[in-house]
Structures are given as C-alpha cells and as structure tokens.
Protein backbone atom coordinates (compact mmCIF):
# COMPACT_ATOMS: atom_id res chain seq x y z
CA MET A 1 59.95 167.07 95.05
CA ILE A 2 61.11 169.50 97.70
CA GLU A 3 58.31 171.38 99.46
CA GLU A 4 58.52 175.08 100.32
CA ASP A 5 58.50 174.23 104.04
CA ASP A 6 61.55 172.01 103.52
CA TRP A 7 63.48 174.92 101.99
CA LYS A 8 62.50 177.19 104.88
CA LEU A 9 63.39 174.56 107.48
CA ALA A 10 66.83 173.98 105.98
CA GLU A 11 67.46 177.72 105.86
CA LEU A 12 66.41 178.18 109.49
CA ARG A 13 68.62 175.31 110.62
CA LEU A 14 71.62 176.74 108.80
CA GLU A 15 71.01 180.21 110.20
CA THR A 16 71.25 178.85 113.75
CA MET A 17 74.58 177.13 113.11
CA PRO A 18 77.93 178.73 113.98
CA THR A 19 79.31 181.32 111.57
CA ASN A 20 82.46 179.26 111.01
CA LEU A 21 80.43 176.29 109.70
CA GLN A 22 81.88 174.60 106.63
CA LEU A 23 80.51 171.60 104.78
CA SER A 24 82.04 169.48 102.08
CA ILE A 25 79.51 168.97 99.31
CA GLY A 26 80.90 166.27 97.01
CA ASN A 27 82.55 167.64 93.88
CA TYR A 28 81.42 171.17 94.77
CA GLY A 29 84.09 171.49 97.44
CA ILE A 30 83.98 173.02 100.89
CA LEU A 31 81.34 175.71 101.36
CA ASP A 32 80.92 178.07 104.29
CA LYS A 33 77.66 179.06 105.94
CA LYS A 34 77.19 182.16 103.80
CA GLU A 35 77.73 180.23 100.58
CA LEU A 36 75.32 177.49 101.68
CA LEU A 37 72.63 180.06 102.47
CA GLU A 38 73.17 181.67 99.05
CA HIS A 39 72.66 178.32 97.34
CA LEU A 40 69.49 177.76 99.34
CA SER A 41 68.13 181.14 98.28
CA LYS A 42 68.98 180.38 94.63
CA ARG A 43 67.35 176.96 94.96
CA ASP A 44 70.07 175.49 92.78
CA GLU A 45 71.57 171.99 92.73
CA ILE A 46 73.73 172.60 95.80
CA GLY A 47 70.76 174.07 97.65
CA LYS A 48 68.74 170.96 96.82
CA LEU A 49 71.48 168.74 98.23
CA VAL A 50 71.55 170.77 101.45
CA VAL A 51 67.77 170.55 101.85
CA GLN A 52 67.73 166.82 101.14
CA SER A 53 70.48 166.15 103.65
CA GLN A 54 68.75 168.21 106.34
CA ILE A 55 65.40 166.48 105.80
CA GLN A 56 67.06 163.07 105.78
CA TYR A 57 68.85 163.90 109.05
CA LEU A 58 65.63 165.07 110.72
CA ARG A 59 63.75 161.94 109.61
CA TYR A 60 66.53 159.76 111.01
CA PHE A 61 66.57 161.75 114.26
CA LYS A 62 62.78 161.39 114.62
CA LYS A 63 63.02 157.64 113.96
CA GLU A 64 65.70 157.26 116.63
CA LEU A 65 63.65 159.21 119.15
CA GLU A 66 60.61 157.05 118.48
CA LYS A 67 62.71 153.90 118.71
CA ASN A 68 64.01 154.96 122.11
CA GLY A 69 60.56 155.94 123.37
CA LYS A 70 61.20 159.65 123.65
C-alpha cells in the first residue's frame, strides 16, 4: 500500500526535475513532466507506478550510501 507521504515525496521529486523531463512508462508510452504530475494527482495506475519507482530508487540510494559508509 502506498502511504500519503510517498505520494507527496514523488510529487516533490518530480516538481524539482527539469521541465523537459520525459519518462517511458511501459505500455503507457512516453510521458512528460506535466502528464506525470497529473497522474500523480489522480492517483491512478500510472501515478502508482511513478511513486513505486521513486520509492524503490530512494531505498536503493539509501542502501548504497550505507554500504559505502556515508
């Protein structure tokens, strides 16, 4: 289950990214920053995928930092 804080975190991360950001989301095609933010606000299937990928990335990043003693 995705927590409210996870949704907010994903939205904040996307907002800080360049305006020309585009991501390929499987069968959904290539989406730009505005479209990704819309899907996050709708909390639909694409939004869920974005949140899950962001949380997975942050967990991996944290693990790597801990592994390298930082």
